[in-house]
Amino acid sequence: MILVDTSVWIDYFNGVDNLHTTTLDLKLIEGTVAIGDIIFLEILQGFRKDSDYKKTKTRLSTLEQYEMFGHRMVNNCAENYRSLRKKGITIRSTTDIIIATFCIENKLPLLFKDKDFIPFVDHLNLLPTSLKT
């Protein structure tokens, strides 16, 4: 199972053809894509048209879903942020910290485009999803 960051989903829903969306397509066909509640929220917030919102909500609801944030995750997220900060790396998005930490804690690969995840790969053992051509 893999998680897919919002930035990849945005490209996917906008019909952008790149290595990330191709990989997402293949993983969806394999049935190995799950979605986290925070990612689901970010995706749904982006739709302006009710019809697109409803269609996407229905489609994404069929994926395996994870609750990504809770009391236990607060400490883990804070520790990961502080660990990177001590190395001079500031992660701009709390959401990205939650997503990366969840994936690290659950040993789930993450398909992402956002460069803020790279320090998690380099320093905290986040597993990136290999891109498929």
C-alpha atoms as a PDB file:
ATOM      1  CA  MET A   1       0.000   0.000   0.000  1.00  0.00           C
ATOM      2  CA  ILE A   2       1.137   3.578  -0.688  1.00  0.00           C
ATOM      3  CA  LEU A   3      -0.131   7.037   0.184  1.00  0.00           C
ATOM      4  CA  VAL A   4      -0.231   9.790  -2.422  1.00  0.00           C
ATOM      5  CA  ASP A   5       0.352  13.425  -1.517  1.00  0.00           C
ATOM      6  CA  THR A   6      -2.184  16.053  -2.489  1.00  0.00           C
ATOM      7  CA  SER A   7       0.115  17.662  -5.074  1.00  0.00           C
ATOM      8  CA  VAL A   8       0.092  14.457  -7.138  1.00  0.00           C
ATOM      9  CA  TRP A   9      -3.688  14.118  -6.829  1.00  0.00           C
ATOM     10  CA  ILE A  10      -4.119  17.705  -8.030  1.00  0.00           C
ATOM     11  CA  ASP A  11      -2.132  16.962 -11.183  1.00  0.00           C
ATOM     12  CA  TYR A  12      -4.064  13.731 -11.628  1.00  0.00           C
ATOM     13  CA  PHE A  13      -7.471  15.434 -11.438  1.00  0.00           C
ATOM     14  CA  ASN A  14      -6.283  18.250 -13.706  1.00  0.00           C
ATOM     15  CA  GLY A  15      -5.239  15.753 -16.382  1.00  0.00           C
ATOM     16  CA  VAL A  16      -1.520  16.506 -16.105  1.00  0.00           C
ATOM     17  CA  ASP A  17       0.580  13.736 -17.632  1.00  0.00           C
ATOM     18  CA  ASN A  18       3.864  13.206 -15.771  1.00  0.00           C
ATOM     19  CA  LEU A  19       5.771  10.414 -14.028  1.00  0.00           C
ATOM     20  CA  HIS A  20       3.852  11.004 -10.799  1.00  0.00           C
ATOM     21  CA  THR A  21       0.394  10.714 -12.378  1.00  0.00           C
ATOM     22  CA  THR A  22       1.494   7.723 -14.462  1.00  0.00           C
ATOM     23  CA  THR A  23       2.697   6.024 -11.290  1.00  0.00           C
ATOM     24  CA  LEU A  24      -0.576   6.893  -9.546  1.00  0.00           C
ATOM     25  CA  ASP A  25      -2.537   5.399 -12.461  1.00  0.00           C
ATOM     26  CA  LEU A  26      -0.549   2.175 -12.263  1.00  0.00           C
ATOM     27  CA  LYS A  27      -0.888   1.944  -8.487  1.00  0.00           C
ATOM     28  CA  LEU A  28      -4.650   2.537  -8.716  1.00  0.00           C
ATOM     29  CA  ILE A  29      -4.920  -0.306 -11.228  1.00  0.00           C
ATOM     30  CA  GLU A  30      -2.865  -2.526  -8.881  1.00  0.00           C
ATOM     31  CA  GLY A  31      -5.194  -1.576  -6.021  1.00  0.00           C
ATOM     32  CA  THR A  32      -2.320  -0.429  -3.823  1.00  0.00           C
ATOM     33  CA  VAL A  33      -3.333   3.193  -3.166  1.00  0.00           C
ATOM     34  CA  ALA A  34      -4.702   4.282   0.196  1.00  0.00           C
ATOM     35  CA  ILE A  35      -5.699   7.774   1.279  1.00  0.00           C
ATOM     36  CA  GLY A  36      -5.262   9.610   4.541  1.00  0.00           C
ATOM     37  CA  ASP A  37      -7.983  11.773   6.027  1.00  0.00           C
ATOM     38  CA  ILE A  38      -5.863  14.929   5.872  1.00  0.00           C
ATOM     39  CA  ILE A  39      -5.023  14.338   2.214  1.00  0.00           C
ATOM     40  CA  PHE A  40      -8.691  13.593   1.478  1.00  0.00           C
ATOM     41  CA  LEU A  41      -9.630  16.888   3.138  1.00  0.00           C
ATOM     42  CA  GLU A  42      -7.066  18.872   1.133  1.00  0.00           C
ATOM     43  CA  ILE A  43      -8.284  17.346  -2.127  1.00  0.00           C
ATOM     44  CA  LEU A  44     -11.966  17.977  -1.443  1.00  0.00           C
ATOM     45  CA  GLN A  45     -11.308  21.579  -0.383  1.00  0.00           C
ATOM     46  CA  GLY A  46      -9.910  22.302  -3.835  1.00  0.00           C
ATOM     47  CA  PHE A  47     -13.060  21.637  -5.865  1.00  0.00           C
ATOM     48  CA  ARG A  48     -15.200  24.615  -6.828  1.00  0.00           C
ATOM     49  CA  LYS A  49     -17.964  22.783  -8.666  1.00  0.00           C
ATOM     50  CA  ASP A  50     -20.351  20.669  -6.590  1.00  0.00           C
ATOM     51  CA  SER A  51     -20.473  17.992  -9.287  1.00  0.00           C
ATOM     52  CA  ASP A  52     -16.666  17.582  -9.274  1.00  0.00           C
ATOM     53  CA  TYR A  53     -16.659  17.552  -5.466  1.00  0.00           C
ATOM     54  CA  LYS A  54     -19.315  14.828  -5.266  1.00  0.00           C
ATOM     55  CA  LYS A  55     -17.786  12.680  -8.024  1.00  0.00           C
ATOM     56  CA  THR A  56     -14.319  12.855  -6.476  1.00  0.00           C
ATOM     57  CA  LYS A  57     -15.604  12.214  -2.965  1.00  0.00           C
ATOM     58  CA  THR A  58     -17.389   9.089  -4.200  1.00  0.00           C
ATOM     59  CA  ARG A  59     -14.354   7.830  -6.145  1.00  0.00           C
ATOM     60  CA  LEU A  60     -11.844   8.435  -3.357  1.00  0.00           C
ATOM     61  CA  SER A  61     -14.147   6.903  -0.742  1.00  0.00           C
ATOM     62  CA  THR A  62     -13.516   3.517  -2.350  1.00  0.00           C
ATOM     63  CA  LEU A  63      -9.831   3.629  -1.356  1.00  0.00           C
ATOM     64  CA  GLU A  64      -8.541   2.211   1.911  1.00  0.00           C
ATOM     65  CA  GLN A  65      -8.588   5.134   4.366  1.00  0.00           C
ATOM     66  CA  TYR A  66      -6.356   6.042   7.287  1.00  0.00           C
ATOM     67  CA  GLU A  67      -6.840   8.438  10.178  1.00  0.00           C
ATOM     68  CA  MET A  68      -3.501  10.227  10.157  1.00  0.00           C
ATOM     69  CA  PHE A  69      -3.476  12.445  13.194  1.00  0.00           C
ATOM     70  CA  GLY A  70      -4.211  11.809  16.826  1.00  0.00           C
ATOM     71  CA  HIS A  71      -2.762  12.248  20.294  1.00  0.00           C
ATOM     72  CA  ARG A  72       0.140   9.821  19.698  1.00  0.00           C
ATOM     73  CA  MET A  73       1.121  11.594  16.475  1.00  0.00           C
ATOM     74  CA  VAL A  74       1.470  15.013  18.124  1.00  0.00           C
ATOM     75  CA  ASN A  75       4.718  14.067  19.830  1.00  0.00           C
ATOM     76  CA  ASN A  76       6.088  12.180  16.815  1.00  0.00           C
ATOM     77  CA  CYS A  77       5.378  15.095  14.476  1.00  0.00           C
ATOM     78  CA  ALA A  78       6.927  17.592  16.867  1.00  0.00           C
ATOM     79  CA  GLU A  79      10.034  15.422  17.262  1.00  0.00           C
ATOM     80  CA  ASN A  80      10.441  15.054  13.496  1.00  0.00           C
ATOM     81  CA  TYR A  81      10.012  18.797  12.948  1.00  0.00           C
ATOM     82  CA  ARG A  82      12.537  19.590  15.688  1.00  0.00           C
ATOM     83  CA  SER A  83      15.004  17.006  14.372  1.00  0.00           C
ATOM     84  CA  LEU A  84      14.986  18.611  10.932  1.00  0.00           C
ATOM     85  CA  ARG A  85      15.060  22.122  12.411  1.00  0.00           C
ATOM     86  CA  LYS A  86      18.232  21.237  14.324  1.00  0.00           C
ATOM     87  CA  LYS A  87      19.764  20.378  10.949  1.00  0.00           C
ATOM     88  CA  GLY A  88      18.790  23.831   9.651  1.00  0.00           C
ATOM     89  CA  ILE A  89      15.788  22.535   7.675  1.00  0.00           C
ATOM     90  CA  THR A  90      12.424  24.220   8.172  1.00  0.00           C
ATOM     91  CA  ILE A  91       9.351  22.436   6.859  1.00  0.00           C
ATOM     92  CA  ARG A  92       6.781  25.044   5.835  1.00  0.00           C
ATOM     93  CA  SER A  93       3.619  22.986   6.170  1.00  0.00           C
ATOM     94  CA  THR A  94       2.329  21.315   9.307  1.00  0.00           C
ATOM     95  CA  THR A  95       0.220  19.108   7.044  1.00  0.00           C
ATOM     96  CA  ASP A  96       3.367  17.844   5.307  1.00  0.00           C
ATOM     97  CA  ILE A  97       4.901  17.044   8.698  1.00  0.00           C
ATOM     98  CA  ILE A  98       1.817  15.021   9.637  1.00  0.00           C
ATOM     99  CA  ILE A  99       1.736  13.163   6.311  1.00  0.00           C
ATOM    100  CA  ALA A 100       5.456  12.346   6.364  1.00  0.00           C
ATOM    101  CA  THR A 101       5.428  11.291  10.013  1.00  0.00           C
ATOM    102  CA  PHE A 102       2.384   9.087   9.495  1.00  0.00           C
ATOM    103  CA  CYS A 103       4.104   7.362   6.583  1.00  0.00           C
ATOM    104  CA  ILE A 104       7.337   6.933   8.551  1.00  0.00           C
ATOM    105  CA  GLU A 105       5.542   5.521  11.594  1.00  0.00           C
ATOM    106  CA  ASN A 106       3.497   3.104   9.484  1.00  0.00           C
ATOM    107  CA  LYS A 107       6.269   2.268   6.993  1.00  0.00           C
ATOM    108  CA  LEU A 108       4.088   3.379   4.080  1.00  0.00           C
ATOM    109  CA  PRO A 109       5.753   4.678   0.931  1.00  0.00           C
ATOM    110  CA  LEU A 110       4.658   8.148  -0.151  1.00  0.00           C
ATOM    111  CA  LEU A 111       4.211   9.297  -3.741  1.00  0.00           C
ATOM    112  CA  PHE A 112       5.000  13.008  -3.738  1.00  0.00           C
ATOM    113  CA  LYS A 113       6.155  15.971  -5.840  1.00  0.00           C
ATOM    114  CA  ASP A 114       6.505  18.479  -3.004  1.00  0.00           C
ATOM    115  CA  LYS A 115      10.179  19.100  -2.205  1.00  0.00           C
ATOM    116  CA  ASP A 116       9.361  19.519   1.507  1.00  0.00           C
ATOM    117  CA  PHE A 117       9.239  15.717   1.777  1.00  0.00           C
ATOM    118  CA  ILE A 118      12.843  15.237   0.621  1.00  0.00           C
ATOM    119  CA  PRO A 119      14.380  15.996   4.071  1.00  0.00           C
ATOM    120  CA  PHE A 120      12.119  13.317   5.547  1.00  0.00           C
ATOM    121  CA  VAL A 121      13.526  10.860   2.996  1.00  0.00           C
ATOM    122  CA  ASP A 122      17.118  11.997   3.521  1.00  0.00           C
ATOM    123  CA  HIS A 123      17.119  12.207   7.326  1.00  0.00           C
ATOM    124  CA  LEU A 124      14.102  10.393   8.801  1.00  0.00           C
ATOM    125  CA  ASN A 125      13.605   7.278   6.665  1.00  0.00           C
ATOM    126  CA  LEU A 126      10.489   8.287   4.758  1.00  0.00           C
ATOM    127  CA  LEU A 127      10.036   5.742   1.970  1.00  0.00           C
ATOM    128  CA  PRO A 128       9.470   7.391  -1.423  1.00  0.00           C
ATOM    129  CA  THR A 129       7.403   5.556  -4.019  1.00  0.00           C
ATOM    130  CA  SER A 130       9.421   4.639  -7.100  1.00  0.00           C
ATOM    131  CA  LEU A 131       8.200   6.437 -10.189  1.00  0.00           C
ATOM    132  CA  LYS A 132       7.012   4.214 -13.053  1.00  0.00           C
ATOM    133  CA  THR A 133       7.539   5.043 -16.707  1.00  0.00           C
END
